[in-house]
Protein backbone atom coordinates (compact mmCIF):
# COMPACT_ATOMS: atom_id res chain seq x y z
CA MET A 1 5.74 -24.07 -4.95
CA ARG A 2 8.86 -22.07 -4.02
CA LYS A 3 10.85 -23.47 -6.98
CA TYR A 4 7.91 -22.67 -9.25
CA LEU A 5 7.80 -19.09 -8.00
CA PHE A 6 11.52 -18.59 -8.62
CA PHE A 7 11.06 -19.91 -12.14
CA LEU A 8 8.32 -17.38 -12.78
CA LEU A 9 10.42 -14.50 -11.50
CA ALA A 10 13.29 -15.52 -13.75
CA LEU A 11 11.07 -14.86 -16.76
CA LEU A 12 11.04 -11.08 -16.19
CA PRO A 13 12.66 -9.09 -19.01
CA LEU A 14 16.13 -7.77 -18.31
CA THR A 15 16.37 -4.04 -17.75
CA VAL A 16 18.13 -2.14 -20.55
CA SER A 17 18.51 1.43 -19.34
CA ALA A 18 20.64 3.97 -17.53
CA TYR A 19 19.26 2.71 -14.23
CA THR A 20 18.81 -0.73 -12.72
CA LEU A 21 15.79 -2.39 -11.11
CA ASN A 22 16.58 -5.41 -8.97
CA ARG A 23 13.21 -6.67 -7.81
CA VAL A 24 12.16 -8.99 -5.01
CA SER A 25 9.10 -10.99 -4.03
CA VAL A 26 7.86 -9.93 -0.60
CA HIS A 27 4.17 -10.36 0.20
CA ASP A 28 2.50 -7.59 2.22
CA PRO A 29 5.53 -5.24 2.14
CA SER A 30 5.79 -2.69 4.95
CA VAL A 31 8.47 -0.05 4.40
CA VAL A 32 10.59 1.65 7.08
CA TRP A 33 13.63 3.93 6.95
CA ASP A 34 16.74 3.38 9.09
CA PRO A 35 18.58 6.72 9.37
CA GLU A 36 21.68 5.10 10.86
CA THR A 37 22.38 2.95 7.81
CA LYS A 38 20.51 5.23 5.38
CA THR A 39 18.62 2.20 4.15
CA TYR A 40 14.98 1.40 3.44
CA TYR A 41 13.73 -1.97 4.67
CA ILE A 42 10.56 -3.82 3.80
CA PHE A 43 9.17 -6.44 6.16
CA GLY A 44 6.67 -8.93 4.79
CA SER A 45 4.71 -12.07 5.60
CA HIS A 46 6.36 -15.45 6.14
CA ARG A 47 9.61 -13.83 7.30
CA ASP A 48 10.30 -12.41 3.85
CA HIS A 49 12.26 -9.15 4.04
CA ALA A 50 14.43 -6.93 1.82
CA LYS A 51 16.41 -3.71 1.81
CA THR A 52 17.49 -0.94 -0.56
CA THR A 53 19.23 2.42 -0.51
CA ASP A 54 17.58 3.80 -3.65
CA MET A 55 14.06 2.33 -3.82
CA MET A 56 15.04 0.53 -7.02
CA ASN A 57 17.56 -2.18 -6.18
CA TRP A 58 16.30 -4.57 -3.53
CA THR A 59 18.22 -7.32 -1.76
CA LYS A 60 16.64 -10.10 0.31
CA ILE A 61 17.69 -10.27 3.97
CA THR A 62 17.12 -12.67 6.86
CA VAL A 63 15.82 -11.37 10.19
CA PRO A 64 16.28 -13.78 13.12
CA TRP A 65 14.09 -14.38 16.16
CA ALA A 66 15.56 -14.75 19.62
CA THR A 67 14.45 -16.31 22.88
CA ALA A 68 16.09 -16.68 26.26
CA THR A 69 17.72 -19.91 25.11
CA SER A 70 18.24 -19.39 21.38
CA THR A 71 19.43 -16.57 19.15
CA ASN A 72 17.86 -18.06 16.05
CA ALA A 73 14.65 -19.55 17.37
CA ALA A 74 12.24 -21.56 15.24
CA ASN A 75 8.76 -20.15 14.79
CA ASN A 76 7.19 -22.79 17.02
CA VAL A 77 9.48 -21.74 19.86
CA ALA A 78 9.65 -17.98 19.46
CA PHE A 79 6.02 -17.14 20.34
CA THR A 80 5.28 -19.42 23.27
CA THR A 81 6.87 -17.51 26.16
CA PRO A 82 6.79 -13.71 26.24
CA GLU A 83 9.49 -11.67 27.97
CA VAL A 84 6.90 -9.24 29.39
CA THR A 85 4.57 -10.98 31.86
CA LYS A 86 3.30 -7.97 33.85
CA VAL A 87 1.30 -4.98 32.62
CA LYS A 88 -0.06 -1.92 34.40
CA LYS A 89 -3.47 -0.29 34.38
CA GLY A 90 -4.34 2.55 36.70
CA GLY A 91 -1.10 2.03 38.60
CA VAL A 92 -2.01 -1.59 39.41
CA GLU A 93 0.25 -4.36 38.12
CA TYR A 94 -1.33 -7.46 36.56
CA ASP A 95 0.26 -10.79 35.75
CA PHE A 96 -0.30 -11.80 32.13
CA SER A 97 1.61 -14.38 30.10
CA PHE A 98 0.34 -15.23 26.62
CA ASP A 99 1.30 -18.19 24.43
CA ALA A 100 0.45 -16.77 20.99
CA GLN A 101 0.99 -20.09 19.21
CA ALA A 102 -1.30 -22.02 21.57
CA TRP A 103 -4.02 -19.39 21.16
CA SER A 104 -3.98 -19.62 17.36
CA LYS A 105 -4.01 -23.41 17.49
CA ARG A 106 -7.45 -23.35 19.14
CA GLY A 107 -9.00 -22.84 15.72
CA ASN A 108 -7.41 -25.94 14.17
CA ASN A 109 -5.72 -28.90 15.84
CA ASN A 110 -3.48 -29.29 12.78
CA TYR A 111 -2.32 -25.67 13.03
CA ASN A 112 1.19 -24.88 11.76
CA ILE A 113 2.54 -21.50 12.79
CA ASP A 114 5.10 -21.46 9.95
CA GLY A 115 2.54 -20.33 7.38
CA ASN A 116 0.69 -17.96 9.69
CA LEU A 117 3.15 -15.19 10.56
CA TRP A 118 1.69 -12.35 8.55
CA ALA A 119 2.19 -8.71 7.70
CA PRO A 120 4.70 -7.32 10.23
CA ASP A 121 5.04 -3.57 10.68
CA VAL A 122 8.29 -2.16 12.09
CA ILE A 123 8.84 1.24 13.72
CA TYR A 124 11.56 2.80 15.85
CA ASN A 125 10.21 3.56 19.33
CA LYS A 126 11.90 6.75 20.52
CA ALA A 127 11.09 6.21 24.21
CA MET A 128 12.18 2.57 24.32
CA LYS A 129 15.11 3.18 21.96
CA LYS A 130 14.18 -0.09 20.32
CA TRP A 131 13.01 -1.28 16.95
CA CYS A 132 9.49 -2.58 17.48
CA MET A 133 7.99 -5.22 15.21
CA TYR A 134 4.22 -5.67 15.37
CA LEU A 135 3.46 -9.10 13.93
CA SER A 136 0.25 -10.97 13.09
CA VAL A 137 0.03 -14.50 14.49
CA ASN A 138 -2.93 -15.69 12.45
CA GLY A 139 -5.25 -18.53 13.41
CA ASP A 140 -8.38 -20.12 12.01
CA ALA A 141 -11.82 -19.10 13.31
CA TRP A 142 -10.50 -15.65 14.34
CA PHE A 143 -8.11 -17.04 16.97
CA SER A 144 -5.46 -14.46 16.07
CA SER A 145 -3.28 -11.97 17.87
CA ILE A 146 -0.94 -9.10 17.18
CA VAL A 147 2.26 -9.41 19.18
CA LEU A 148 5.17 -7.07 19.86
CA LEU A 149 8.79 -8.04 19.27
CA THR A 150 11.74 -5.74 19.93
CA ALA A 151 15.35 -5.51 18.77
CA ASP A 152 18.33 -3.21 19.28
CA LYS A 153 19.03 -3.17 15.53
CA ILE A 154 16.54 -3.07 12.71
CA THR A 155 17.97 -6.35 11.38
CA GLY A 156 17.30 -8.13 14.67
CA PRO A 157 17.32 -10.46 16.43
CA TYR A 158 13.74 -9.75 17.55
CA ARG A 159 12.40 -11.04 20.87
CA TYR A 160 8.73 -11.74 21.61
CA GLN A 161 7.58 -9.27 24.29
CA ALA A 162 3.81 -9.64 24.73
CA PRO A 163 0.49 -9.47 22.86
CA VAL A 164 -0.98 -6.10 21.91
CA VAL A 165 -4.53 -7.22 21.09
CA ILE A 166 -6.26 -10.60 20.72
CA SER A 167 -9.35 -11.81 18.84
CA GLY A 168 -11.56 -14.90 18.83
CA PHE A 169 -12.89 -15.12 22.43
CA LYS A 170 -16.36 -15.78 21.04
CA ASN A 171 -17.88 -18.15 23.61
CA GLY A 172 -17.22 -20.01 26.85
CA ASN A 173 -14.35 -19.03 29.11
CA SER A 174 -11.63 -18.58 26.48
CA TYR A 175 -11.52 -14.88 27.34
CA LYS A 176 -9.87 -15.84 30.63
CA ASP A 177 -6.69 -16.57 28.66
CA THR A 178 -6.64 -13.06 27.15
CA ASP A 179 -6.18 -9.60 28.65
CA LEU A 180 -9.90 -8.76 28.32
CA GLU A 181 -10.42 -8.53 32.07
CA ILE A 182 -7.36 -6.34 32.50
CA VAL A 183 -8.92 -3.92 30.02
CA ILE A 184 -12.60 -3.94 31.09
CA GLY A 185 -12.47 -5.40 34.59
CA GLU A 186 -13.30 -8.79 36.04
CA GLN A 187 -16.28 -10.50 34.40
CA ALA A 188 -18.58 -13.23 35.75
CA SER A 189 -18.96 -14.48 32.18
CA LEU A 190 -18.17 -13.44 28.65
CA PRO A 191 -19.98 -10.14 27.89
CA GLU A 192 -22.93 -10.69 25.57
CA ARG A 193 -21.57 -8.48 22.79
CA TYR A 194 -18.64 -10.90 22.34
CA ASN A 195 -20.67 -14.09 22.85
CA VAL A 196 -21.47 -14.52 19.16
CA GLY A 197 -19.93 -17.89 18.26
CA ASN A 198 -19.37 -18.32 14.54
CA LYS A 199 -20.92 -14.91 13.82
CA TRP A 200 -17.81 -13.19 15.18
CA GLY A 201 -16.94 -11.94 11.70
CA GLU A 202 -20.14 -9.92 11.40
CA ARG A 203 -19.05 -7.65 14.23
CA TRP A 204 -15.45 -8.07 15.36
CA PRO A 205 -12.08 -8.02 13.59
CA ASN A 206 -9.64 -10.78 12.86
CA ASN A 207 -6.67 -9.29 14.71
CA ILE A 208 -3.99 -9.14 12.03
CA ASP A 209 -2.38 -6.55 9.74
CA PRO A 210 -1.05 -3.94 12.19
CA CYS A 211 0.04 -0.46 11.17
CA VAL A 212 1.85 1.51 13.89
CA PHE A 213 2.63 5.21 13.55
CA TYR A 214 3.32 8.41 15.44
CA ASP A 215 0.84 11.22 14.87
CA GLU A 216 1.93 14.84 14.49
CA GLU A 217 1.56 15.36 18.25
CA GLY A 218 3.95 12.51 19.05
CA ASN A 219 1.27 10.01 20.11
CA LEU A 220 1.67 6.35 19.15
CA TRP A 221 -1.22 4.53 17.44
CA MET A 222 -1.98 1.15 15.91
CA SER A 223 -4.64 0.42 13.31
CA TYR A 224 -5.37 -3.26 12.79
CA GLY A 225 -7.94 -5.82 11.66
CA SER A 226 -8.85 -7.72 8.54
CA TRP A 227 -12.06 -8.62 6.78
CA SER A 228 -14.86 -9.53 9.18
CA GLY A 229 -15.88 -6.78 11.57
CA GLY A 230 -13.64 -4.01 10.35
CA ILE A 231 -10.48 -2.02 11.06
CA PHE A 232 -9.98 -0.66 14.58
CA MET A 233 -7.58 1.80 16.20
CA LEU A 234 -5.85 1.64 19.59
CA ALA A 235 -3.65 4.12 21.42
CA LEU A 236 -0.30 2.58 22.35
CA ASP A 237 1.90 3.26 25.36
CA GLU A 238 5.21 4.56 24.04
CA GLU A 239 7.04 3.44 27.18
CA SER A 240 6.14 -0.24 26.66
CA GLY A 241 5.14 -0.39 23.01
CA LEU A 242 1.97 -2.25 24.06
CA ARG A 243 -1.60 -0.98 24.20
CA ASP A 244 -2.10 1.90 26.61
CA TYR A 245 -4.22 0.20 29.27
CA ASP A 246 -5.02 3.58 30.84
CA VAL A 247 -6.86 4.77 27.72
CA GLU A 248 -10.52 3.76 28.03
CA TYR A 249 -13.02 3.50 25.19
CA GLU A 250 -16.70 4.10 25.86
CA LEU A 251 -18.99 1.65 24.06
CA LYS A 252 -20.81 3.29 21.13
CA GLY A 253 -23.35 1.65 18.86
CA SER A 254 -24.99 -1.72 19.26
CA GLY A 255 -25.06 -5.13 17.63
CA ASN A 256 -23.04 -5.27 14.43
CA GLY A 257 -23.06 -1.47 14.30
CA ILE A 258 -20.68 -0.98 17.23
CA THR A 259 -18.21 1.80 16.33
CA VAL A 260 -16.31 2.04 19.62
CA ASP A 261 -15.61 -0.93 21.88
CA PRO A 262 -13.94 -0.92 25.32
CA TYR A 263 -11.56 -3.72 24.29
CA PHE A 264 -11.01 -3.33 20.54
CA GLY A 265 -10.97 0.47 20.49
CA LYS A 266 -12.37 2.75 17.80
CA LYS A 267 -13.55 1.42 14.45
CA ILE A 268 -12.21 3.45 11.51
CA ALA A 269 -13.14 1.33 8.47
CA GLY A 270 -14.96 -1.71 7.15
CA GLY A 271 -17.35 -4.00 8.99
CA TYR A 272 -20.14 -6.42 7.96
CA TYR A 273 -17.77 -8.88 6.22
CA VAL A 274 -16.33 -6.23 3.93
CA SER A 275 -13.08 -7.61 2.53
CA GLY A 276 -11.01 -4.61 3.62
CA GLU A 277 -7.64 -5.41 5.14
CA ALA A 278 -4.06 -4.13 5.34
CA SER A 279 -4.83 -0.68 6.71
CA TYR A 280 -1.88 1.67 6.38
CA ILE A 281 -1.83 5.27 7.60
CA GLU A 282 0.68 8.00 6.73
CA TYR A 283 0.63 11.75 7.39
CA ILE A 284 1.25 13.70 4.17
CA GLY A 285 0.78 17.41 3.57
CA GLY A 286 -1.83 18.15 6.22
CA TYR A 287 -3.82 14.90 6.20
CA TYR A 288 -3.65 11.38 7.56
CA TYR A 289 -4.18 9.08 4.58
CA LEU A 290 -5.70 5.65 5.12
CA PHE A 291 -4.96 2.96 2.53
CA MET A 292 -7.16 -0.12 2.42
CA SER A 293 -6.94 -3.24 0.25
CA TYR A 294 -10.24 -4.76 -0.91
CA GLY A 295 -11.06 -7.94 -2.80
CA GLY A 296 -9.35 -11.32 -3.04
CA LEU A 297 -5.56 -11.29 -3.18
CA ALA A 298 -5.31 -14.03 -5.85
CA ALA A 299 -4.62 -13.26 -9.50
CA GLY A 300 -8.21 -13.93 -10.53
CA GLY A 301 -9.65 -15.75 -13.48
CA ASN A 302 -11.81 -18.26 -11.62
CA ALA A 303 -15.35 -17.78 -12.90
CA ASN A 304 -16.75 -19.92 -10.09
CA ASP A 305 -15.22 -17.89 -7.28
CA TYR A 306 -15.96 -14.17 -7.02
CA ASN A 307 -13.38 -13.93 -4.23
CA ASN A 308 -10.63 -15.00 -6.63
CA GLY A 309 -8.95 -11.74 -7.52
CA GLY A 310 -9.81 -8.09 -7.39
CA TYR A 311 -7.20 -7.00 -4.84
CA GLN A 312 -7.01 -3.22 -5.09
CA MET A 313 -5.87 -0.22 -3.07
CA ARG A 314 -8.37 2.45 -2.06
CA VAL A 315 -7.59 5.73 -0.27
CA PHE A 316 -9.37 7.79 2.41
CA ARG A 317 -8.15 10.73 4.46
CA SER A 318 -8.77 12.56 7.74
CA GLU A 319 -7.45 15.54 9.67
CA ASN A 320 -7.26 13.31 12.76
CA PRO A 321 -5.25 10.10 13.21
CA ASP A 322 -8.31 8.15 14.45
CA GLY A 323 -10.70 9.51 11.83
CA PRO A 324 -13.30 9.87 10.60
CA TYR A 325 -11.80 8.79 7.27
CA VAL A 326 -13.63 9.74 4.07
CA ASP A 327 -12.91 9.55 0.36
CA SER A 328 -13.08 12.35 -2.22
CA LYS A 329 -16.85 11.81 -2.50
CA ASN A 330 -17.16 12.17 1.30
CA SER A 331 -18.06 8.49 1.66
CA ASN A 332 -17.03 7.14 5.06
CA ALA A 333 -14.57 4.24 5.27
CA ILE A 334 -16.90 2.53 7.79
CA PHE A 335 -19.56 0.30 6.24
CA THR A 336 -23.05 0.10 7.73
CA GLY A 337 -24.45 -2.87 5.83
CA TYR A 338 -23.56 -6.36 4.65
CA GLN A 339 -21.03 -6.28 1.79
CA LEU A 340 -19.40 -9.73 1.63
CA ASN A 341 -16.03 -9.58 -0.16
CA PHE A 342 -16.40 -5.98 -1.29
CA GLY A 343 -14.12 -5.23 -4.24
CA ALA A 344 -13.92 -8.76 -5.60
CA ASN A 345 -16.57 -8.58 -8.28
CA ALA A 346 -18.18 -6.29 -10.82
CA ASN A 347 -21.25 -5.59 -8.67
CA ASP A 348 -19.40 -3.66 -5.95
CA GLY A 349 -19.67 0.03 -5.28
CA ASN A 350 -17.02 2.67 -5.71
CA ARG A 351 -16.08 3.57 -2.15
CA GLY A 352 -12.56 4.90 -1.62
CA GLU A 353 -10.33 6.68 -4.13
CA ASN A 354 -9.26 4.06 -6.68
CA ILE A 355 -5.61 5.11 -6.80
CA PHE A 356 -5.07 2.42 -9.46
CA GLY A 357 -6.15 -1.11 -10.24
CA ALA A 358 -5.62 -3.92 -12.74
CA TYR A 359 -4.19 -2.63 -16.03
CA THR A 360 -2.40 -3.84 -19.14
CA ASP A 361 -1.05 -2.67 -22.55
CA TRP A 362 0.62 0.19 -20.71
CA GLY A 363 4.03 1.57 -21.68
CA ASN A 364 6.83 -0.83 -22.56
CA GLN A 365 6.50 -3.35 -19.76
CA ALA A 366 3.03 -3.72 -18.19
CA LYS A 367 1.48 -5.55 -21.11
CA GLY A 368 0.79 -9.10 -22.20
CA ASN A 369 1.66 -11.55 -19.45
CA LEU A 370 3.15 -8.68 -17.44
CA GLY A 371 -0.01 -6.62 -17.12
CA GLU A 372 -0.47 -5.82 -13.43
CA ARG A 373 -3.37 -7.10 -11.37
CA SER A 374 -4.27 -7.79 -7.75
CA GLN A 375 -2.09 -4.96 -6.43
CA GLY A 376 -2.32 -4.30 -2.74
CA HIS A 377 -1.32 -4.70 0.90
CA ASN A 378 0.76 -1.60 0.45
CA SER A 379 2.73 0.72 2.66
CA ILE A 380 3.58 4.35 1.92
CA ILE A 381 6.35 6.57 3.23
CA ALA A 382 6.95 10.32 3.17
CA ALA A 383 10.68 9.85 2.84
CA GLU A 384 13.76 11.70 4.05
CA ASP A 385 14.66 12.60 0.46
CA GLY A 386 11.53 14.76 0.04
CA ARG A 387 9.66 12.21 -2.04
CA THR A 388 6.69 10.01 -1.15
CA TYR A 389 6.78 6.36 -2.16
CA LEU A 390 3.98 3.82 -2.51
CA VAL A 391 5.27 0.25 -1.95
CA TYR A 392 3.00 -2.69 -2.79
CA HIS A 393 3.01 -6.22 -4.10
CA THR A 394 1.43 -7.14 -7.41
CA ARG A 395 0.50 -10.25 -9.31
CA PHE A 396 0.42 -10.34 -13.09
CA GLN A 397 -2.01 -11.06 -15.89
CA ASN A 398 -0.73 -14.54 -16.74
CA TRP A 399 1.79 -15.54 -14.11
CA GLY A 400 -0.35 -17.51 -11.73
CA GLU A 401 0.32 -16.46 -8.14
CA GLY A 402 3.87 -15.19 -8.71
CA HIS A 403 4.21 -11.68 -7.28
CA GLN A 404 6.75 -8.88 -6.91
CA VAL A 405 7.24 -5.60 -5.07
CA ARG A 406 6.66 -2.40 -7.03
CA VAL A 407 7.38 1.22 -6.03
CA HIS A 408 5.64 4.30 -7.46
CA GLN A 409 6.19 7.90 -6.47
CA VAL A 410 3.07 9.62 -5.10
CA PHE A 411 2.03 13.28 -5.26
CA GLN A 412 -0.75 15.48 -3.88
CA ASN A 413 -2.93 17.28 -6.39
CA LYS A 414 -4.01 20.89 -5.80
CA ASN A 415 -6.94 19.64 -3.69
CA GLY A 416 -4.72 17.54 -1.45
CA TRP A 417 -5.69 14.11 -2.82
CA LEU A 418 -3.03 11.55 -3.62
CA VAL A 419 -2.20 10.50 -7.17
CA ALA A 420 0.38 7.85 -8.10
CA ALA A 421 3.00 8.24 -10.81
CA PRO A 422 2.05 6.23 -13.92
CA PHE A 423 5.30 4.24 -13.97
CA GLU A 424 7.69 2.69 -11.48
CA TYR A 425 10.13 4.91 -9.62
CA THR A 426 13.43 4.94 -11.52
CA GLY A 427 15.35 7.71 -9.77
CA GLU A 428 13.29 10.73 -10.83
CA GLN A 429 14.48 13.81 -8.93
CA VAL A 430 11.20 15.71 -8.52
CA THR A 431 10.20 16.03 -4.86
CA SER A 432 6.76 16.40 -3.33
CA ALA A 433 7.45 20.10 -2.63
CA ASP A 434 8.49 20.71 -6.25
CA ILE A 435 4.98 20.00 -7.52
CA ALA A 436 3.52 23.19 -6.02
CA THR A 437 6.49 25.43 -6.79
CA THR A 438 7.95 24.37 -10.14
CA GLN A 439 6.63 23.52 -13.58
CA GLN A 440 8.28 20.22 -14.44
CA ILE A 441 7.00 20.17 -18.04
CA ALA A 442 6.96 23.45 -19.98
CA THR A 443 3.57 24.39 -21.38
CA ASP A 444 4.77 24.24 -25.00
CA GLN A 445 6.06 20.68 -24.44
CA ILE A 446 2.68 19.31 -23.37
CA PRO A 447 0.71 19.24 -26.67
CA GLY A 448 0.85 15.96 -28.53
CA LYS A 449 -0.54 12.44 -28.73
CA TYR A 450 -1.13 10.59 -25.46
CA LYS A 451 -2.07 7.20 -24.17
CA LEU A 452 -4.86 7.64 -21.59
CA LEU A 453 -5.52 4.93 -19.00
CA VAL A 454 -8.61 5.36 -16.80
CA HIS A 455 -8.69 3.22 -13.65
CA THR A 456 -12.37 2.32 -13.52
CA TYR A 457 -14.20 0.53 -10.73
CA LYS A 458 -16.16 -2.73 -11.08
CA LEU A 459 -13.80 -4.83 -13.16
CA ASP A 460 -14.84 -8.46 -13.60
CA HIS A 461 -11.88 -10.21 -12.00
CA THR A 462 -13.36 -13.66 -12.60
CA LYS A 463 -12.49 -12.97 -16.24
CA LYS A 464 -9.20 -11.20 -15.46
CA ALA A 465 -10.57 -7.92 -16.72
CA ALA A 466 -8.03 -5.10 -16.78
CA ASN A 467 -8.17 -1.47 -17.86
CA LYS A 468 -6.44 -0.61 -21.15
CA PRO A 469 -5.35 2.75 -22.59
CA ILE A 470 -7.02 4.72 -25.35
CA ASP A 471 -5.61 7.43 -27.66
CA ILE A 472 -6.15 11.13 -27.17
CA GLU A 473 -4.42 14.29 -28.33
CA LEU A 474 -3.78 17.39 -26.26
CA ALA A 475 -3.77 20.38 -28.59
CA ALA A 476 -1.89 23.64 -28.04
CA ASP A 477 -5.21 25.52 -27.89
CA GLY A 478 -6.24 23.53 -24.80
CA ASN A 479 -8.60 21.09 -26.51
CA ILE A 480 -8.57 17.29 -26.24
CA SER A 481 -9.50 15.10 -29.21
CA GLY A 482 -9.34 11.44 -30.16
CA ASP A 483 -11.09 8.56 -28.40
CA GLN A 484 -12.24 11.11 -25.79
CA THR A 485 -12.82 14.83 -26.13
CA GLY A 486 -12.52 17.69 -23.70
CA SER A 487 -10.02 20.31 -22.60
CA TRP A 488 -6.85 20.75 -20.56
CA ASN A 489 -4.86 23.45 -18.83
CA ILE A 490 -1.85 23.68 -16.54
CA THR A 491 -1.34 26.12 -13.69
CA GLU A 492 1.70 28.08 -14.86
CA GLY A 493 4.67 27.90 -12.51
CA THR A 494 3.43 24.66 -10.94
CA SER A 495 3.04 21.04 -12.02
CA TYR A 496 -0.75 21.03 -11.44
CA ILE A 497 -2.79 19.98 -14.47
CA HIS A 498 -6.55 19.96 -15.03
CA LEU A 499 -8.26 17.79 -17.63
CA LYS A 500 -11.91 17.79 -18.55
CA VAL A 501 -12.65 14.47 -20.27
CA GLY A 502 -16.24 14.31 -21.40
CA ASN A 503 -18.09 15.92 -18.50
CA VAL A 504 -15.65 14.72 -15.81
CA HIS A 505 -13.03 17.03 -14.27
CA TYR A 506 -9.68 15.50 -13.30
CA TYR A 507 -7.04 17.27 -11.20
CA GLY A 508 -3.48 16.05 -10.83
CA VAL A 509 0.15 16.64 -11.72
CA MET A 510 2.32 16.62 -14.84
CA VAL A 511 5.88 15.29 -14.55
CA GLU A 512 8.54 13.54 -16.59
CA GLN A 513 8.44 9.76 -16.37
CA THR A 514 10.65 6.89 -17.47
CA LEU A 515 8.94 4.15 -19.45
CA GLU A 516 10.50 1.16 -17.71
CA PRO A 517 12.32 -1.07 -18.51
CA THR A 518 13.93 1.33 -21.06
CA ASP A 519 15.36 4.76 -20.38
CA THR A 520 12.79 6.47 -22.61
CA LYS A 521 11.49 9.70 -21.09
CA ALA A 522 8.05 11.15 -21.60
CA PRO A 523 5.79 13.88 -20.23
CA ALA A 524 3.11 12.14 -18.17
CA PHE A 525 0.16 13.04 -15.99
CA THR A 526 -1.64 11.39 -13.09
CA VAL A 527 -5.04 12.78 -12.15
CA LEU A 528 -8.11 12.18 -9.98
CA ALA A 529 -11.79 12.89 -10.62
CA ALA A 530 -12.86 13.77 -7.08
CA THR A 531 -16.57 13.46 -7.87
CA THR A 532 -16.20 9.83 -8.91
CA GLY A 533 -13.04 8.61 -7.13
CA VAL A 534 -11.61 7.46 -10.46
CA THR A 535 -7.97 8.14 -11.34
CA ALA A 536 -6.34 8.30 -14.78
CA TRP A 537 -2.82 8.19 -16.17
CA GLY A 538 -1.43 9.54 -19.42
CA TYR A 539 1.90 9.69 -21.24
CA LYS A 540 2.97 11.40 -24.44
CA TYR A 541 4.02 9.32 -27.43
CA GLU A 542 5.32 10.04 -30.91
CA ASP A 543 3.00 8.05 -33.14
CA GLY A 544 0.44 5.27 -33.20
CA SER A 545 3.06 2.74 -32.10
CA GLY A 546 3.06 4.21 -28.62
CA THR A 547 6.84 4.84 -28.78
CA SER A 548 7.47 7.82 -26.55
CA ILE A 549 9.78 10.78 -26.98
CA MET A 550 10.72 13.69 -24.79
CA ASN A 551 11.01 17.10 -26.43
CA VAL A 552 14.12 18.84 -25.10
CA LYS A 553 15.75 22.20 -25.73
CA ALA A 554 18.96 22.26 -27.77
CA ASP A 555 20.98 23.41 -24.76
CA SER A 556 19.70 20.74 -22.39
CA TYR A 557 19.94 17.42 -24.22
CA GLY A 558 22.66 16.02 -21.97
CA GLU A 559 26.31 15.05 -22.24
CA ASP A 560 25.84 12.00 -24.50
CA TYR A 561 26.31 12.59 -28.21
CA LEU A 562 23.34 12.69 -30.50
CA PHE A 563 23.25 11.25 -34.01
CA ASP A 564 21.24 12.44 -36.97
CA LEU A 565 19.00 10.05 -38.87
CA GLN A 566 21.91 9.17 -41.17
CA GLY A 567 23.98 8.01 -38.15
CA ARG A 568 26.38 11.00 -38.13
CA LYS A 569 27.54 12.31 -34.74
CA VAL A 570 26.11 15.72 -33.89
CA SER A 571 27.70 17.62 -31.01
CA VAL A 572 25.68 20.86 -31.22
CA PRO A 573 22.42 19.97 -32.95
CA LYS A 574 19.95 22.22 -34.65
CA LYS A 575 16.23 21.76 -34.14
CA GLY A 576 15.03 18.43 -35.44
CA LEU A 577 14.73 14.70 -34.78
CA TYR A 578 17.83 12.84 -33.53
CA ILE A 579 18.87 9.52 -32.00
CA GLN A 580 20.34 9.38 -28.48
CA ASN A 581 21.18 6.02 -26.84
CA GLY A 582 19.02 4.28 -29.42
CA LYS A 583 15.96 6.44 -28.71
CA LYS A 584 14.39 9.27 -30.68
CA VAL A 585 14.86 12.77 -29.29
CA LEU A 586 13.13 15.84 -30.72
CA ILE A 587 15.18 19.03 -30.28
CA LYS A 588 13.01 22.14 -30.20
């Protein structure tokens, strides 16, 4: 399978442009910045990791484990004996040693840990002065745990410290091998609310997919969980990196509707077998944004399996780190009824802002076999350079299960909702702050023909359905014509744009974009209809071919020479159409 995947990746078109994009395949990429080396790292499942200094050129790296006896421990050794075997609650010290591999093996005697180390999240702990990796040790039948590993350097080696939270104690005395009694006190038997056998998934999480972050007050949190009973939140102890055993959670709700649990903490999303996983939370411009991935992670196309495909990112926000999280329609991220595999088929609802989904025939690259689908398990970072980056993995329209990492810049619209740039990040210089204070595209440069791509809900992923663009024209008088009609206007002095398409109002931003893999520039917009949760992208093109141009002023066309249409070099051009680096440029 690995050789097959490398063959698929080799089929990508070579980049021909003023920039380079060296891509990698990392599933479930979590991004983190190391200020010492001025490098971004992504950590992914199955010990797949990479680094970059520019968010465009990625290099694979190896991150070793370490134990007391080995500096490059095998997986089946690294998670058997923790370094931390005592924890404190209320000033009392408790002995607790947890073999994470043995716990996960309870769900399957043929268990192999090598394929079950999923979705790590790495953060620098300021109190410990350590890099902390929170790693999912997945097991069948919900016998999973999230464990903490620490290292002095971001590149490791990482040592297994202790578990943070454990799932699967669904009957009998298995809970005696967890920290349940440290958290809630000694129990004569398993509390009834956990004694649910194979119905665990209706109520409780599978404890994987951690996201650890500091809130604006300096408190350390972890959201976690996958499918099944939902996404929960725990307060962490910054001094140890583990759960804060002194924070108590009062039981709220009953049955499958429990929203706060003394052991698992506070529910913030999902429940009732909703497919939501891969929670990721980032504070941006006044809000905590919660990203969720719904649907099946496969590429789709299996008409007999509605869980095959449909992976998609949805967005909620809150003013508080532990919620409540709602979308632009004020729908809560917590589900209150049975929704098996939400997001995987055309009958699902439209909860969560659909920041983008499966699409094809877009620009110069995302078309044909390279149309994107099953995007998800993302991370997002408000970066040191003033920009915000969305990092995710994507499969493709006709590439089987081959996948790659993609990075898009993200902006806030005037209402504070996130919108993603229509094309990959290729070194654009606009920052998040620039959107509110500068007009990136002059008003007289906006009119023209555009490709419009609306990211609708309810695609039929069993048939590999994907959204495709239509043609519209933005006129100088503010009207929109073509395949859709309406109106547009831009807030002068800012990059905020408003489109009315039909009867739907979209609010977003207008910036210059690069149509990868070429160096062709184009005015482009990314917008959200808050009343529906639907987003849309657009870019300006010259004619029906979809070839894009960027109108530039005669004094700002750049240092490279231009050529007229007869191939003669022009150093100081007049207004008109020219060729620069093999692309058409209109001088106004």
